[in-house]
Amino acid sequence: MVQGKKALIPAEETVNPRGAIILLAECQEGWGAEPTFKEWLTGLSPEEILLRVRNKALFSLGAHGAYLFAKPPIEKGVKVILVTNPQIVTDLKGNFVTAVSSPDEAMEIARRHTSGQASVTILRKSRRLILA
């Protein structure tokens, strides 16, 4: 998840307000080494994450990772949908990040969120994408 979350940065820059981001991240190694990431993402609302991340004393790579997921819903009304492994789907159940195990399910959620009005942009290897 530590690597997969990096694709949210260019995705947020390209998604329209009230759109949807579908992040495909298998996460074979789970959440990664930073416990704050999982704690904040599974235990806080996006509003709470944005408030806490402003406190420099609480900064960590995990806090920053949670911030990357919380920012699109707050700033643009964007639905973040994560296609990932079953354990992370379970961990995020009932959370503001919708986690599913299939791309088809993610597309259906995105269609409902956007009332079927969305276009689709695919960002391949977006961690290396430079937006100009």
Protein backbone atom coordinates (compact mmCIF):
# COMPACT_ATOMS: atom_id res chain seq x y z
CA MET A 1 0.00 0.00 0.00
CA VAL A 2 2.93 2.30 0.68
CA GLN A 3 3.87 2.24 -3.01
CA GLY A 4 0.35 2.05 -4.44
CA LYS A 5 -0.86 5.20 -2.71
CA LYS A 6 1.64 7.31 -4.67
CA ALA A 7 -0.57 7.05 -7.77
CA LEU A 8 -3.22 9.15 -5.99
CA ILE A 9 -1.20 12.33 -6.53
CA PRO A 10 -1.46 12.50 -10.34
CA ALA A 11 -4.91 10.88 -10.27
CA GLU A 12 -6.26 13.68 -8.10
CA GLU A 13 -4.80 16.25 -10.46
CA THR A 14 -6.60 14.73 -13.45
CA VAL A 15 -9.99 13.78 -11.96
CA ASN A 16 -12.95 16.13 -12.24
CA PRO A 17 -14.82 17.35 -9.16
CA ARG A 18 -17.31 14.73 -7.88
CA GLY A 19 -15.54 12.12 -10.00
CA ALA A 20 -14.00 8.84 -8.94
CA ILE A 21 -10.48 7.49 -8.67
CA ILE A 22 -9.99 3.75 -9.01
CA LEU A 23 -6.63 2.72 -7.62
CA LEU A 24 -5.46 -0.78 -8.49
CA ALA A 25 -2.95 -1.85 -5.86
CA GLU A 26 -2.56 -5.54 -5.10
CA CYS A 27 -0.53 -4.82 -1.97
CA GLN A 28 1.07 -8.25 -1.65
CA GLU A 29 3.01 -6.98 1.36
CA GLY A 30 -0.06 -5.48 3.02
CA TRP A 31 -0.06 -2.01 4.48
CA GLY A 32 3.69 -1.52 4.77
CA ALA A 33 5.85 -0.70 7.75
CA GLU A 34 4.29 2.57 8.94
CA PRO A 35 1.54 1.76 11.50
CA THR A 36 0.16 5.32 11.46
CA PHE A 37 -0.97 4.82 7.86
CA LYS A 38 -3.33 1.96 8.70
CA GLU A 39 -4.40 3.48 12.04
CA TRP A 40 -5.39 6.82 10.49
CA LEU A 41 -6.94 5.37 7.35
CA THR A 42 -9.05 2.80 9.19
CA GLY A 43 -9.86 4.86 12.28
CA LEU A 44 -10.33 8.49 11.20
CA SER A 45 -12.63 10.40 8.91
CA PRO A 46 -11.11 12.34 6.00
CA GLU A 47 -11.84 15.57 7.89
CA GLU A 48 -9.97 14.32 10.97
CA ILE A 49 -7.01 13.24 8.84
CA LEU A 50 -6.76 16.67 7.18
CA LEU A 51 -6.87 18.38 10.58
CA ARG A 52 -4.27 16.10 12.17
CA VAL A 53 -1.85 16.20 9.24
CA ARG A 54 -1.50 19.97 9.75
CA ASN A 55 0.07 19.30 13.17
CA LYS A 56 3.77 19.01 12.32
CA ALA A 57 4.37 17.06 15.55
CA LEU A 58 2.18 14.26 14.18
CA PHE A 59 3.89 14.11 10.77
CA SER A 60 5.05 10.72 9.57
CA LEU A 61 5.09 8.93 6.25
CA GLY A 62 2.01 7.04 7.40
CA ALA A 63 0.16 10.26 8.18
CA HIS A 64 1.09 11.57 4.75
CA GLY A 65 -0.20 8.37 3.13
CA ALA A 66 -3.56 8.71 4.90
CA TYR A 67 -3.67 12.35 3.79
CA LEU A 68 -3.32 11.29 0.14
CA PHE A 69 -6.51 9.22 0.48
CA ALA A 70 -8.40 11.88 2.49
CA LYS A 71 -7.65 14.88 0.28
CA PRO A 72 -9.68 14.00 -2.89
CA PRO A 73 -13.01 13.43 -1.06
CA ILE A 74 -12.67 16.65 0.93
CA GLU A 75 -11.29 18.98 -1.72
CA LYS A 76 -13.12 17.68 -4.80
CA GLY A 77 -15.93 15.40 -3.63
CA VAL A 78 -14.11 12.52 -5.31
CA LYS A 79 -14.84 8.89 -4.42
CA VAL A 80 -11.65 6.88 -3.92
CA ILE A 81 -12.08 3.21 -4.79
CA LEU A 82 -9.26 0.79 -4.05
CA VAL A 83 -9.00 -2.56 -5.85
CA THR A 84 -6.78 -4.66 -3.63
CA ASN A 85 -6.31 -7.89 -1.71
CA PRO A 86 -9.06 -9.37 0.50
CA GLN A 87 -7.34 -8.49 3.81
CA ILE A 88 -7.18 -4.77 3.01
CA VAL A 89 -10.76 -4.90 1.69
CA THR A 90 -11.76 -6.27 5.11
CA ASP A 91 -9.64 -3.69 6.98
CA LEU A 92 -11.32 -0.81 5.11
CA LYS A 93 -14.90 -2.08 5.34
CA GLY A 94 -17.22 0.82 6.22
CA ASN A 95 -14.49 3.37 5.62
CA PHE A 96 -14.49 6.46 3.40
CA VAL A 97 -12.14 4.59 1.05
CA THR A 98 -14.20 1.98 -0.76
CA ALA A 99 -12.09 -1.16 -1.05
CA VAL A 100 -13.12 -3.97 -3.39
CA SER A 101 -11.47 -7.01 -4.91
CA SER A 102 -12.41 -6.64 -8.58
CA PRO A 103 -12.05 -3.89 -11.21
CA ASP A 104 -15.59 -4.58 -12.43
CA GLU A 105 -17.00 -3.89 -8.98
CA ALA A 106 -14.93 -0.69 -8.78
CA MET A 107 -16.25 0.49 -12.16
CA GLU A 108 -19.84 -0.09 -11.05
CA ILE A 109 -19.30 1.92 -7.85
CA ALA A 110 -17.68 4.71 -9.88
CA ARG A 111 -20.60 4.73 -12.35
CA ARG A 112 -23.10 5.03 -9.49
CA HIS A 113 -21.09 7.80 -7.82
CA THR A 114 -20.86 9.82 -11.02
CA SER A 115 -24.41 9.01 -12.16
CA GLY A 116 -22.90 7.38 -15.24
CA GLN A 117 -21.57 10.74 -16.47
CA ALA A 118 -17.86 10.06 -16.10
CA SER A 119 -15.25 9.67 -18.77
CA VAL A 120 -12.36 7.32 -18.08
CA THR A 121 -8.69 8.18 -18.00
CA ILE A 122 -6.17 5.42 -17.36
CA LEU A 123 -2.88 6.43 -15.79
CA ARG A 124 -0.38 3.65 -16.33
CA LYS A 125 2.72 3.79 -14.13
CA SER A 126 1.40 7.05 -12.77
CA ARG A 127 3.98 7.23 -10.01
CA ARG A 128 6.30 8.42 -12.76
CA LEU A 129 3.80 10.77 -14.42
CA ILE A 130 4.71 14.44 -14.78
CA LEU A 131 1.77 16.76 -15.28
CA ALA A 132 2.47 20.00 -17.08
